Amino acid sequence: GPQSAGAYPGPAAYGRGGTKPTVTAANVVLGRLNPRALLGGRMRMYPDRARKVIEDELSSRLKVDGVRAAAGVIEIINVNMMGAVRIISVEQGKDPRDSTLVAFGGAGPLHAADIARNMGIRNVLVPPRPGLLSALGLLHADVRGDFSLTRLVIAAPDNLRAVNTGFDQLRGRGAEWLKGEADEKTRARHGWSIDMRYLGQNYELSLEVKDGRLDAKSLARLIARFHENHRALYGYDMPGHTVEAVRLRLVVTVERGAPTHEKHNAARGTTRDAVLEKRRVWFPETGFVVTPVYDRDRLPVNCRITGPAIVEQMDTTTVVPPDATLRSDKLGYLHLAVERLRAGAGY
């Protein structure tokens, strides 16, 4: 767990019949989520039901109080999300500590600082409307068609014809797809690649192939590049070992143009004017502490807030832990600078 309650009945705090402990319930119990602020206050939540389901389903079985049980739920979901970050970073040979963590989705900013602190990531970026970011991406994303063809052959000059014939087949499939997605005047970008591995391996590396065509010289360069990439990613290579081609790939992309930022109407006034209330919020290093809650839409440009703090808006809530700092920029983005969680200060 924790198990998702789905849209219906949803978490117990929604008051629609949910009976299982959820991440939403845990965030309510810990004061991180304001039951009066969901969807800008348009959707009612029931904090008493959130507490009851945590206590009935978890506290009694684990022999801990409701706060400790809720903290455990948050710890579990944070670990799950950290695993997802590792898949797209560490497992791809990239150190997440060198990157900025972008928090999106309705719940992303609730957990982003915790995830960053535990992974040694120093910076978190919260877009203006994180709960709508996926929908915005769908509207602005390039139109893309992905095509692949299995071609299991030894990477050798004798097999060049089989490989190039496969690329030609992909070229035809891409052209047919493009007819249904764009008019004849539209310029599309074609990206060619080939998945390769050492003979006997179960995992491949994908390497770019210029123009979807190979000859003896370009094949030799491709094999050399495979050895280099394998060494860079896994720490070793086997230059004398046979290399195998596994799969040919084509990506056809029709660009729709970069999105423009919506105009950000900067709030007038001071940071203090953006304070909505103060409430008790639980953090792993402090327990419950009285924490200022800010209205994001009323934060002035370049304001700086030192945690602990909570920032609320219609589509999400951003948690700023102790020792973290938050800054807003002229485009309405929030920048969190966080410190690695101190040893012993865990959930």
Foldseek 3Di string as FASTA:
>chain_A
DQDAPPPPVGDQFQVSDDQAADLVLLCLVQVQDDQCQALHNPGGTHNVRSQVSQCVVPCVVPVHHSNVSSQVNLQVVLVVVLVVVCVVAVLQLHQQLVDEAEAAAAERQVRVQVNCQASNHFKYKYAQHRNCVVVVCVVQPWDKDKDKDWDKFWLAQVCQVVQLVRLVVVVVVVVVVVVVVDPPPFDKDKWKWWWKDFPPDDHTDIDTDPPSHDHRVVSVVVLVVRQVSCCSRPVHGDVVTTMITTMIMMMITGHPDDDDQDQQDFADDAQVVQFDAWDWGQFLQPGTDTETEGELSRHGAFHKDADQYWYDYSRHIHGQHHPKMWHAHNSSMIMIGHHRDDPPSGD
